[in-house]
Amino acid sequence: AWYHQAPGKERDFVAAIAGGGGTNYADSVKGRFTISRDN
């Protein structure tokens, strides 16, 4: 997964990708960010 820490704030979840390729995104980045992997 990727996580984001804005200045002065807690680290938050952004996106995750499973070993099989399934993905999940925070609502704030859906449609804008894409997570991928090259094993």
Full PDB file with SEQRES, HELIX, SHEET, SSBOND, CRYST1, ORIGX, SCALE, CONECT and MASTER records, all heavy atoms in Angstrom:
SEQRES   1 A   39  ALA TRP TYR HIS GLN ALA PRO GLY LYS GLU ARG ASP PHE          
SEQRES   2 A   39  VAL ALA ALA ILE ALA GLY GLY GLY GLY THR ASN TYR ALA          
SEQRES   3 A   39  ASP SER VAL LYS GLY ARG PHE THR ILE SER ARG ASP ASN          
HELIX    1 AA1 ASP A   27  VAL A   29  5                                   3    
SHEET    1 AA1 3 TRP A   2  GLN A   5  0                                        
SHEET    2 AA1 3 ARG A  11  ILE A  17 -1                                        
SHEET    3 AA1 3 THR A  23  TYR A  25 -1                                        
CRYST1    1.000    1.000    1.000  90.00  90.00  90.00 P 1           1          
ORIGX1      1.000000  0.000000  0.000000        0.00000                         
ORIGX2      0.000000  1.000000  0.000000        0.00000                         
ORIGX3      0.000000  0.000000  1.000000        0.00000                         
SCALE1      1.000000  0.000000  0.000000        0.00000                         
SCALE2      0.000000  1.000000  0.000000        0.00000                         
SCALE3      0.000000  0.000000  1.000000        0.00000                         
ATOM      1  N   ALA A   1       0.822  -1.205   0.000  1.00  0.00           N  
ATOM      2  CA  ALA A   1       0.000   0.000   0.000  1.00  0.00           C  
ATOM      3  C   ALA A   1       0.853   1.251   0.000  1.00  0.00           C  
ATOM      4  O   ALA A   1       2.034   1.221   0.366  1.00  0.00           O  
ATOM      5  CB  ALA A   1      -0.929   0.005   1.208  1.00  0.00           C  
ATOM      6  N   TRP A   2       0.216   2.333  -0.395  1.00  0.00           N  
ATOM      7  CA  TRP A   2       0.791   3.670  -0.283  1.00  0.00           C  
ATOM      8  C   TRP A   2       0.034   4.432   0.794  1.00  0.00           C  
ATOM      9  O   TRP A   2      -1.194   4.282   0.929  1.00  0.00           O  
ATOM     10  CB  TRP A   2       0.688   4.414  -1.602  1.00  0.00           C  
ATOM     11  CG  TRP A   2       1.676   3.964  -2.625  1.00  0.00           C  
ATOM     12  CD1 TRP A   2       1.481   3.035  -3.625  1.00  0.00           C  
ATOM     13  CD2 TRP A   2       3.026   4.418  -2.773  1.00  0.00           C  
ATOM     14  NE1 TRP A   2       2.615   2.884  -4.363  1.00  0.00           N  
ATOM     15  CE2 TRP A   2       3.583   3.730  -3.860  1.00  0.00           C  
ATOM     16  CE3 TRP A   2       3.821   5.352  -2.095  1.00  0.00           C  
ATOM     17  CZ2 TRP A   2       4.903   3.943  -4.289  1.00  0.00           C  
ATOM     18  CZ3 TRP A   2       5.123   5.564  -2.518  1.00  0.00           C  
ATOM     19  CH2 TRP A   2       5.654   4.860  -3.596  1.00  0.00           C  
ATOM     20  N   TYR A   3       0.800   5.267   1.518  1.00  0.00           N  
ATOM     21  CA  TYR A   3       0.252   6.088   2.588  1.00  0.00           C  
ATOM     22  C   TYR A   3       0.725   7.522   2.380  1.00  0.00           C  
ATOM     23  O   TYR A   3       1.799   7.761   1.830  1.00  0.00           O  
ATOM     24  CB  TYR A   3       0.715   5.567   3.952  1.00  0.00           C  
ATOM     25  CG  TYR A   3       0.326   4.134   4.207  1.00  0.00           C  
ATOM     26  CD1 TYR A   3       1.112   3.083   3.730  1.00  0.00           C  
ATOM     27  CD2 TYR A   3      -0.836   3.818   4.906  1.00  0.00           C  
ATOM     28  CE1 TYR A   3       0.749   1.758   3.950  1.00  0.00           C  
ATOM     29  CE2 TYR A   3      -1.204   2.492   5.122  1.00  0.00           C  
ATOM     30  CZ  TYR A   3      -0.409   1.484   4.638  1.00  0.00           C  
ATOM     31  OH  TYR A   3      -0.767   0.173   4.858  1.00  0.00           O  
ATOM     32  N   HIS A   4      -0.062   8.471   2.870  1.00  0.00           N  
ATOM     33  CA  HIS A   4       0.228   9.898   2.689  1.00  0.00           C  
ATOM     34  C   HIS A   4       0.214  10.597   4.030  1.00  0.00           C  
ATOM     35  O   HIS A   4      -0.730  10.401   4.823  1.00  0.00           O  
ATOM     36  CB  HIS A   4      -0.846  10.497   1.762  1.00  0.00           C  
ATOM     37  CG  HIS A   4      -0.862  11.978   1.701  1.00  0.00           C  
ATOM     38  ND1 HIS A   4      -2.005  12.719   1.948  1.00  0.00           N  
ATOM     39  CD2 HIS A   4       0.114  12.856   1.415  1.00  0.00           C  
ATOM     40  CE1 HIS A   4      -1.718  13.994   1.805  1.00  0.00           C  
ATOM     41  NE2 HIS A   4      -0.447  14.104   1.479  1.00  0.00           N  
ATOM     42  N   GLN A   5       1.235  11.395   4.276  1.00  0.00           N  
ATOM     43  CA  GLN A   5       1.265  12.205   5.475  1.00  0.00           C  
ATOM     44  C   GLN A   5       1.360  13.666   5.086  1.00  0.00           C  
ATOM     45  O   GLN A   5       2.419  14.130   4.619  1.00  0.00           O  
ATOM     46  CB  GLN A   5       2.421  11.821   6.385  1.00  0.00           C  
ATOM     47  CG  GLN A   5       2.377  12.519   7.725  1.00  0.00           C  
ATOM     48  CD  GLN A   5       3.296  11.881   8.751  1.00  0.00           C  
ATOM     49  OE1 GLN A   5       4.265  11.196   8.404  1.00  0.00           O  
ATOM     50  NE2 GLN A   5       2.999  12.084  10.016  1.00  0.00           N  
ATOM     51  N   ALA A   6       0.270  14.380   5.244  1.00  0.00           N  
ATOM     52  CA  ALA A   6       0.252  15.809   4.977  1.00  0.00           C  
ATOM     53  C   ALA A   6       0.964  16.543   6.113  1.00  0.00           C  
ATOM     54  O   ALA A   6       1.047  16.015   7.229  1.00  0.00           O  
ATOM     55  CB  ALA A   6      -1.182  16.294   4.847  1.00  0.00           C  
ATOM     56  N   PRO A   7       1.471  17.738   5.866  1.00  0.00           N  
ATOM     57  CA  PRO A   7       2.173  18.490   6.907  1.00  0.00           C  
ATOM     58  C   PRO A   7       1.323  18.650   8.170  1.00  0.00           C  
ATOM     59  O   PRO A   7       0.191  19.111   8.096  1.00  0.00           O  
ATOM     60  CB  PRO A   7       2.447  19.842   6.249  1.00  0.00           C  
ATOM     61  CG  PRO A   7       2.471  19.541   4.781  1.00  0.00           C  
ATOM     62  CD  PRO A   7       1.467  18.458   4.574  1.00  0.00           C  
ATOM     63  N   GLY A   8       1.870  18.222   9.304  1.00  0.00           N  
ATOM     64  CA  GLY A   8       1.197  18.371  10.585  1.00  0.00           C  
ATOM     65  C   GLY A   8       0.050  17.412  10.830  1.00  0.00           C  
ATOM     66  O   GLY A   8      -0.690  17.581  11.798  1.00  0.00           O  
ATOM     67  N   LYS A   9      -0.095  16.402   9.983  1.00  0.00           N  
ATOM     68  CA  LYS A   9      -1.223  15.478  10.131  1.00  0.00           C  
ATOM     69  C   LYS A   9      -0.744  14.035  10.256  1.00  0.00           C  
ATOM     70  O   LYS A   9       0.431  13.729  10.060  1.00  0.00           O  
ATOM     71  CB  LYS A   9      -2.174  15.612   8.938  1.00  0.00           C  
ATOM     72  CG  LYS A   9      -2.822  16.996   8.844  1.00  0.00           C  
ATOM     73  CD  LYS A   9      -3.929  17.010   7.821  1.00  0.00           C  
ATOM     74  CE  LYS A   9      -4.628  18.353   7.821  1.00  0.00           C  
ATOM     75  NZ  LYS A   9      -5.735  18.417   6.829  1.00  0.00           N  
ATOM     76  N   GLU A  10      -1.693  13.163  10.583  1.00  0.00           N  
ATOM     77  CA  GLU A  10      -1.402  11.744  10.690  1.00  0.00           C  
ATOM     78  C   GLU A  10      -1.186  11.142   9.296  1.00  0.00           C  
ATOM     79  O   GLU A  10      -1.647  11.670   8.296  1.00  0.00           O  
ATOM     80  CB  GLU A  10      -2.574  11.022  11.361  1.00  0.00           C  
ATOM     81  CG  GLU A  10      -2.884  11.456  12.784  1.00  0.00           C  
ATOM     82  CD  GLU A  10      -1.864  10.928  13.761  1.00  0.00           C  
ATOM     83  OE1 GLU A  10      -1.418   9.775  13.592  1.00  0.00           O  
ATOM     84  OE2 GLU A  10      -1.476  11.676  14.671  1.00  0.00           O  
ATOM     85  N   ARG A  11      -0.505  10.015   9.283  1.00  0.00           N  
ATOM     86  CA  ARG A  11      -0.315   9.280   8.033  1.00  0.00           C  
ATOM     87  C   ARG A  11      -1.601   8.535   7.703  1.00  0.00           C  
ATOM     88  O   ARG A  11      -2.150   7.839   8.546  1.00  0.00           O  
ATOM     89  CB  ARG A  11       0.853   8.311   8.209  1.00  0.00           C  
ATOM     90  CG  ARG A  11       1.355   7.681   6.962  1.00  0.00           C  
ATOM     91  CD  ARG A  11       2.818   7.276   7.086  1.00  0.00           C  
ATOM     92  NE  ARG A  11       3.197   6.844   8.393  1.00  0.00           N  
ATOM     93  CZ  ARG A  11       4.452   6.835   8.867  1.00  0.00           C  
ATOM     94  NH1 ARG A  11       5.434   7.262   8.081  1.00  0.00           N  
ATOM     95  NH2 ARG A  11       4.725   6.415  10.073  1.00  0.00           N  
ATOM     96  N   ASP A  12      -2.071   8.687   6.463  1.00  0.00           N  
ATOM     97  CA  ASP A  12      -3.343   8.103   6.042  1.00  0.00           C  
ATOM     98  C   ASP A  12      -3.132   7.123   4.898  1.00  0.00           C  
ATOM     99  O   ASP A  12      -2.212   7.272   4.091  1.00  0.00           O  
ATOM    100  CB  ASP A  12      -4.308   9.194   5.556  1.00  0.00           C  
ATOM    101  CG  ASP A  12      -4.768  10.110   6.664  1.00  0.00           C  
ATOM    102  OD1 ASP A  12      -4.877   9.642   7.815  1.00  0.00           O  
ATOM    103  OD2 ASP A  12      -5.022  11.299   6.385  1.00  0.00           O  
ATOM    104  N   PHE A  13      -4.046   6.180   4.806  1.00  0.00           N  
ATOM    105  CA  PHE A  13      -4.055   5.218   3.714  1.00  0.00           C  
ATOM    106  C   PHE A  13      -4.443   5.905   2.406  1.00  0.00           C  
ATOM    107  O   PHE A  13      -5.339   6.744   2.378  1.00  0.00           O  
ATOM    108  CB  PHE A  13      -5.066   4.111   4.045  1.00  0.00           C  
ATOM    109  CG  PHE A  13      -5.413   3.229   2.890  1.00  0.00           C  
ATOM    110  CD1 PHE A  13      -4.556   2.197   2.526  1.00  0.00           C  
ATOM    111  CD2 PHE A  13      -6.572   3.417   2.164  1.00  0.00           C  
ATOM    112  CE1 PHE A  13      -4.871   1.371   1.456  1.00  0.00           C  
ATOM    113  CE2 PHE A  13      -6.901   2.598   1.101  1.00  0.00           C  
ATOM    114  CZ  PHE A  13      -6.043   1.571   0.744  1.00  0.00           C  
ATOM    115  N   VAL A  14      -3.761   5.519   1.318  1.00  0.00           N  
ATOM    116  CA  VAL A  14      -4.072   6.053  -0.005  1.00  0.00           C  
ATOM    117  C   VAL A  14      -4.616   4.959  -0.916  1.00  0.00           C  
ATOM    118  O   VAL A  14      -5.680   5.094  -1.498  1.00  0.00           O  
ATOM    119  CB  VAL A  14      -2.825   6.689  -0.643  1.00  0.00           C  
ATOM    120  CG1 VAL A  14      -3.107   7.112  -2.087  1.00  0.00           C  
ATOM    121  CG2 VAL A  14      -2.334   7.867   0.176  1.00  0.00           C  
ATOM    122  N   ALA A  15      -3.842   3.876  -1.069  1.00  0.00           N  
ATOM    123  CA  ALA A  15      -4.232   2.823  -2.004  1.00  0.00           C  
ATOM    124  C   ALA A  15      -3.495   1.547  -1.644  1.00  0.00           C  
ATOM    125  O   ALA A  15      -2.396   1.595  -1.097  1.00  0.00           O  
ATOM    126  CB  ALA A  15      -3.895   3.222  -3.438  1.00  0.00           C  
ATOM    127  N   ALA A  16      -4.115   0.411  -1.967  1.00  0.00           N  
ATOM    128  CA  ALA A  16      -3.504  -0.889  -1.718  1.00  0.00           C  
ATOM    129  C   ALA A  16      -3.678  -1.785  -2.926  1.00  0.00           C  
ATOM    130  O   ALA A  16      -4.647  -1.637  -3.687  1.00  0.00           O  
ATOM    131  CB  ALA A  16      -4.116  -1.543  -0.484  1.00  0.00           C  
ATOM    132  N   ILE A  17      -2.744  -2.730  -3.069  1.00  0.00           N  
ATOM    133  CA  ILE A  17      -2.833  -3.714  -4.147  1.00  0.00           C  
ATOM    134  C   ILE A  17      -2.464  -5.076  -3.593  1.00  0.00           C  
ATOM    135  O   ILE A  17      -1.417  -5.238  -2.966  1.00  0.00           O  
ATOM    136  CB  ILE A  17      -1.957  -3.318  -5.348  1.00  0.00           C  
ATOM    137  CG1 ILE A  17      -2.154  -4.304  -6.506  1.00  0.00           C  
ATOM    138  CG2 ILE A  17      -0.487  -3.185  -4.967  1.00  0.00           C  
ATOM    139  CD1 ILE A  17      -1.614  -3.794  -7.828  1.00  0.00           C  
ATOM    140  N   ALA A  18      -3.333  -6.040  -3.817  1.00  0.00           N  
ATOM    141  CA  ALA A  18      -3.102  -7.388  -3.327  1.00  0.00           C  
ATOM    142  C   ALA A  18      -2.117  -8.122  -4.235  1.00  0.00           C  
ATOM    143  O   ALA A  18      -1.851  -7.700  -5.363  1.00  0.00           O  
ATOM    144  CB  ALA A  18      -4.425  -8.142  -3.274  1.00  0.00           C  
ATOM    145  N   GLY A  19      -1.612  -9.237  -3.732  1.00  0.00           N  
ATOM    146  CA  GLY A  19      -0.692 -10.023  -4.535  1.00  0.00           C  
ATOM    147  C   GLY A  19      -1.300 -10.449  -5.862  1.00  0.00           C  
ATOM    148  O   GLY A  19      -0.613 -10.514  -6.885  1.00  0.00           O  
ATOM    149  N   GLY A  20      -2.615 -10.672  -5.844  1.00  0.00           N  
ATOM    150  CA  GLY A  20      -3.311 -11.082  -7.055  1.00  0.00           C  
ATOM    151  C   GLY A  20      -3.731  -9.931  -7.946  1.00  0.00           C  
ATOM    152  O   GLY A  20      -4.277 -10.143  -9.037  1.00  0.00           O  
ATOM    153  N   GLY A  21      -3.488  -8.711  -7.492  1.00  0.00           N  
ATOM    154  CA  GLY A  21      -3.758  -7.537  -8.317  1.00  0.00           C  
ATOM    155  C   GLY A  21      -4.994  -6.742  -7.947  1.00  0.00           C  
ATOM    156  O   GLY A  21      -5.212  -5.658  -8.506  1.00  0.00           O  
ATOM    157  N   GLY A  22      -5.811  -7.236  -7.030  1.00  0.00           N  
ATOM    158  CA  GLY A  22      -6.964  -6.468  -6.604  1.00  0.00           C  
ATOM    159  C   GLY A  22      -6.542  -5.177  -5.930  1.00  0.00           C  
ATOM    160  O   GLY A  22      -5.509  -5.133  -5.244  1.00  0.00           O  
ATOM    161  N   THR A  23      -7.313  -4.108  -6.129  1.00  0.00           N  
ATOM    162  CA  THR A  23      -6.929  -2.796  -5.620  1.00  0.00           C  
ATOM    163  C   THR A  23      -8.030  -2.186  -4.762  1.00  0.00           C  
ATOM    164  O   THR A  23      -9.205  -2.546  -4.868  1.00  0.00           O  
ATOM    165  CB  THR A  23      -6.600  -1.831  -6.768  1.00  0.00           C  
ATOM    166  OG1 THR A  23      -7.741  -1.725  -7.630  1.00  0.00           O  
ATOM    167  CG2 THR A  23      -5.408  -2.311  -7.570  1.00  0.00           C  
ATOM    168  N   ASN A  24      -7.609  -1.242  -3.932  1.00  0.00           N  
ATOM    169  CA  ASN A  24      -8.534  -0.504  -3.083  1.00  0.00           C  
ATOM    170  C   ASN A  24      -7.976   0.895  -2.920  1.00  0.00           C  
ATOM    171  O   ASN A  24      -6.744   1.069  -2.815  1.00  0.00           O  
ATOM    172  CB  ASN A  24      -8.671  -1.196  -1.725  1.00  0.00           C  
ATOM    173  CG  ASN A  24      -9.780  -0.602  -0.892  1.00  0.00           C  
ATOM    174  OD1 ASN A  24     -10.779  -0.125  -1.426  1.00  0.00           O  
ATOM    175  ND2 ASN A  24      -9.619  -0.642   0.417  1.00  0.00           N  
ATOM    176  N   TYR A  25      -8.861   1.904  -2.886  1.00  0.00           N  
ATOM    177  CA  TYR A  25      -8.421   3.293  -2.839  1.00  0.00           C  
ATOM    178  C   TYR A  25      -9.183   4.068  -1.774  1.00  0.00           C  
ATOM    179  O   TYR A  25     -10.360   3.803  -1.507  1.00  0.00           O  
ATOM    180  CB  TYR A  25      -8.668   3.977  -4.184  1.00  0.00           C  
ATOM    181  CG  TYR A  25      -7.870   3.400  -5.316  1.00  0.00           C  
ATOM    182  CD1 TYR A  25      -8.383   2.373  -6.107  1.00  0.00           C  
ATOM    183  CD2 TYR A  25      -6.589   3.874  -5.608  1.00  0.00           C  
ATOM    184  CE1 TYR A  25      -7.655   1.828  -7.144  1.00  0.00           C  
ATOM    185  CE2 TYR A  25      -5.849   3.345  -6.653  1.00  0.00           C  
ATOM    186  CZ  TYR A  25      -6.389   2.316  -7.409  1.00  0.00           C  
ATOM    187  OH  TYR A  25      -5.645   1.791  -8.443  1.00  0.00           O  
ATOM    188  N   ALA A  26      -8.505   5.067  -1.221  1.00  0.00           N  
ATOM    189  CA  ALA A  26      -9.196   6.037  -0.388  1.00  0.00           C  
ATOM    190  C   ALA A  26     -10.136   6.847  -1.272  1.00  0.00           C  
ATOM    191  O   ALA A  26      -9.836   7.100  -2.449  1.00  0.00           O  
ATOM    192  CB  ALA A  26      -8.182   6.964   0.289  1.00  0.00           C  
ATOM    193  N   ASP A  27     -11.260   7.266  -0.711  1.00  0.00           N  
ATOM    194  CA  ASP A  27     -12.248   8.012  -1.499  1.00  0.00           C  
ATOM    195  C   ASP A  27     -11.645   9.266  -2.117  1.00  0.00           C  
ATOM    196  O   ASP A  27     -12.014   9.657  -3.226  1.00  0.00           O  
ATOM    197  CB  ASP A  27     -13.438   8.403  -0.616  1.00  0.00           C  
ATOM    198  CG  ASP A  27     -14.324   7.212  -0.274  1.00  0.00           C  
ATOM    199  OD1 ASP A  27     -14.201   6.164  -0.955  1.00  0.00           O  
ATOM    200  OD2 ASP A  27     -15.116   7.327   0.669  1.00  0.00           O  
ATOM    201  N   SER A  28     -10.701   9.884  -1.422  1.00  0.00           N  
ATOM    202  CA  SER A  28     -10.139  11.157  -1.873  1.00  0.00           C  
ATOM    203  C   SER A  28      -9.309  11.024  -3.147  1.00  0.00           C  
ATOM    204  O   SER A  28      -9.027  12.031  -3.805  1.00  0.00           O  
ATOM    205  CB  SER A  28      -9.278  11.764  -0.768  1.00  0.00           C  
ATOM    206  OG  SER A  28      -8.230  10.883  -0.423  1.00  0.00           O  
ATOM    207  N   VAL A  29      -8.899   9.808  -3.505  1.00  0.00           N  
ATOM    208  CA  VAL A  29      -8.045   9.640  -4.686  1.00  0.00           C  
ATOM    209  C   VAL A  29      -8.678   8.778  -5.769  1.00  0.00           C  
ATOM    210  O   VAL A  29      -8.086   8.625  -6.848  1.00  0.00           O  
ATOM    211  CB  VAL A  29      -6.668   9.044  -4.306  1.00  0.00           C  
ATOM    212  CG1 VAL A  29      -6.010   9.884  -3.218  1.00  0.00           C  
ATOM    213  CG2 VAL A  29      -6.782   7.588  -3.881  1.00  0.00           C  
ATOM    214  N   LYS A  30      -9.853   8.246  -5.512  1.00  0.00           N  
ATOM    215  CA  LYS A  30     -10.514   7.402  -6.521  1.00  0.00           C  
ATOM    216  C   LYS A  30     -10.705   8.170  -7.822  1.00  0.00           C  
ATOM    217  O   LYS A  30     -11.139   9.321  -7.819  1.00  0.00           O  
ATOM    218  CB  LYS A  30     -11.861   6.915  -5.993  1.00  0.00           C  
ATOM    219  CG  LYS A  30     -11.756   5.787  -4.999  1.00  0.00           C  
ATOM    220  CD  LYS A  30     -13.142   5.336  -4.538  1.00  0.00           C  
ATOM    221  CE  LYS A  30     -13.026   4.204  -3.515  1.00  0.00           C  
ATOM    222  NZ  LYS A  30     -14.346   3.806  -2.980  1.00  0.00           N  
ATOM    223  N   GLY A  31     -10.355   7.525  -8.930  1.00  0.00           N  
ATOM    224  CA  GLY A  31     -10.478   8.166 -10.230  1.00  0.00           C  
ATOM    225  C   GLY A  31      -9.288   9.023 -10.608  1.00  0.00           C  
ATOM    226  O   GLY A  31      -9.179   9.446 -11.762  1.00  0.00           O  
ATOM    227  N   ARG A  32      -8.384   9.291  -9.658  1.00  0.00           N  
ATOM    228  CA  ARG A  32      -7.208  10.127  -9.950  1.00  0.00           C  
ATOM    229  C   ARG A  32      -5.908   9.350  -9.834  1.00  0.00           C  
ATOM    230  O   ARG A  32      -4.968   9.583 -10.577  1.00  0.00           O  
ATOM    231  CB  ARG A  32      -7.156  11.329  -9.001  1.00  0.00           C  
ATOM    232  CG  ARG A  32      -8.357  12.236  -9.081  1.00  0.00           C  
ATOM    233  CD  ARG A  32      -8.130  13.536  -8.309  1.00  0.00           C  
ATOM    234  NE  ARG A  32      -7.901  13.307  -6.886  1.00  0.00           N  
ATOM    235  CZ  ARG A  32      -6.816  13.704  -6.221  1.00  0.00           C  
ATOM    236  NH1 ARG A  32      -5.850  14.347  -6.853  1.00  0.00           N  
ATOM    237  NH2 ARG A  32      -6.699  13.462  -4.918  1.00  0.00           N  
ATOM    238  N   PHE A  33      -5.831   8.449  -8.853  1.00  0.00           N  
ATOM    239  CA  PHE A  33      -4.609   7.679  -8.603  1.00  0.00           C  
ATOM    240  C   PHE A  33      -4.819   6.234  -9.018  1.00  0.00           C  
ATOM    241  O   PHE A  33      -5.922   5.688  -8.889  1.00  0.00           O  
ATOM    242  CB  PHE A  33      -4.255   7.714  -7.122  1.00  0.00           C  
ATOM    243  CG  PHE A  33      -3.809   9.056  -6.592  1.00  0.00           C  
ATOM    244  CD1 PHE A  33      -3.889  10.206  -7.354  1.00  0.00           C  
ATOM    245  CD2 PHE A  33      -3.293   9.148  -5.304  1.00  0.00           C  
ATOM    246  CE1 PHE A  33      -3.471  11.435  -6.866  1.00  0.00           C  
ATOM    247  CE2 PHE A  33      -2.868  10.364  -4.785  1.00  0.00           C  
ATOM    248  CZ  PHE A  33      -2.974  11.512  -5.564  1.00  0.00           C  
ATOM    249  N   THR A  34      -3.737   5.596  -9.477  1.00  0.00           N  
ATOM    250  CA  THR A  34      -3.766   4.182  -9.837  1.00  0.00           C  
ATOM    251  C   THR A  34      -2.551   3.498  -9.237  1.00  0.00           C  
ATOM    252  O   THR A  34      -1.417   3.918  -9.475  1.00  0.00           O  
ATOM    253  CB  THR A  34      -3.761   3.996 -11.353  1.00  0.00           C  
ATOM    254  OG1 THR A  34      -4.871   4.677 -11.930  1.00  0.00           O  
ATOM    255  CG2 THR A  34      -3.832   2.512 -11.702  1.00  0.00           C  
ATOM    256  N   ILE A  35      -2.800   2.449  -8.459  1.00  0.00           N  
ATOM    257  CA  ILE A  35      -1.714   1.664  -7.889  1.00  0.00           C  
ATOM    258  C   ILE A  35      -1.496   0.435  -8.773  1.00  0.00           C  
ATOM    259  O   ILE A  35      -2.458  -0.147  -9.302  1.00  0.00           O  
ATOM    260  CB  ILE A  35      -2.027   1.258  -6.434  1.00  0.00           C  
ATOM    261  CG1 ILE A  35      -0.795   0.634  -5.767  1.00  0.00           C  
ATOM    262  CG2 ILE A  35      -3.248   0.361  -6.343  1.00  0.00           C  
ATOM    263  CD1 ILE A  35      -0.943   0.421  -4.267  1.00  0.00           C  
ATOM    264  N   SER A  36      -0.232   0.072  -8.951  1.00  0.00           N  
ATOM    265  CA  SER A  36       0.101  -1.097  -9.741  1.00  0.00           C  
ATOM    266  C   SER A  36       1.366  -1.715  -9.180  1.00  0.00           C  
ATOM    267  O   SER A  36       2.014  -1.131  -8.303  1.00  0.00           O  
ATOM    268  CB  SER A  36       0.274  -0.736 -11.224  1.00  0.00           C  
ATOM    269  OG  SER A  36       1.332   0.193 -11.393  1.00  0.00           O  
ATOM    270  N   ARG A  37       1.723  -2.886  -9.695  1.00  0.00           N  
ATOM    271  CA  ARG A  37       2.922  -3.545  -9.198  1.00  0.00           C  
ATOM    272  C   ARG A  37       3.588  -4.335 -10.312  1.00  0.00           C  
ATOM    273  O   ARG A  37       2.925  -4.766 -11.249  1.00  0.00           O  
ATOM    274  CB  ARG A  37       2.577  -4.454  -8.014  1.00  0.00           C  
ATOM    275  CG  ARG A  37       1.700  -5.635  -8.350  1.00  0.00           C  
ATOM    276  CD  ARG A  37       1.160  -6.309  -7.085  1.00  0.00           C  
ATOM    277  NE  ARG A  37       2.235  -6.786  -6.228  1.00  0.00           N  
ATOM    278  CZ  ARG A  37       2.087  -7.036  -4.910  1.00  0.00           C  
ATOM    279  NH1 ARG A  37       0.921  -6.847  -4.332  1.00  0.00           N  
ATOM    280  NH2 ARG A  37       3.098  -7.480  -4.200  1.00  0.00           N  
ATOM    281  N   ASP A  38       4.903  -4.505 -10.173  1.00  0.00           N  
ATOM    282  CA  ASP A  38       5.671  -5.355 -11.064  1.00  0.00           C  
ATOM    283  C   ASP A  38       6.471  -6.288 -10.168  1.00  0.00           C  
ATOM    284  O   ASP A  38       7.524  -5.907  -9.644  1.00  0.00           O  
ATOM    285  CB  ASP A  38       6.584  -4.516 -11.963  1.00  0.00           C  
ATOM    286  CG  ASP A  38       7.328  -5.365 -12.983  1.00  0.00           C  
ATOM    287  OD1 ASP A  38       7.358  -6.613 -12.834  1.00  0.00           O  
ATOM    288  OD2 ASP A  38       7.891  -4.785 -13.923  1.00  0.00           O  
ATOM    289  N   ASN A  39       5.952  -7.484  -9.977  1.00  0.00           N  
ATOM    290  CA  ASN A  39       6.593  -8.411  -9.048  1.00  0.00           C  
ATOM    291  C   ASN A  39       7.970  -8.867  -9.532  1.00  0.00           C  
ATOM    292  O   ASN A  39       8.795  -9.280  -8.727  1.00  0.00           O  
ATOM    293  CB  ASN A  39       5.688  -9.614  -8.815  1.00  0.00           C  
ATOM    294  CG  ASN A  39       4.441  -9.251  -8.034  1.00  0.00           C  
ATOM    295  OD1 ASN A  39       4.460  -8.360  -7.182  1.00  0.00           O  
ATOM    296  ND2 ASN A  39       3.337  -9.934  -8.325  1.00  0.00           N  
TER     297      ASN A  39                                                      
MASTER        0    0    0    1    3    0    0    6  296    1    0    3          
END                                                                             
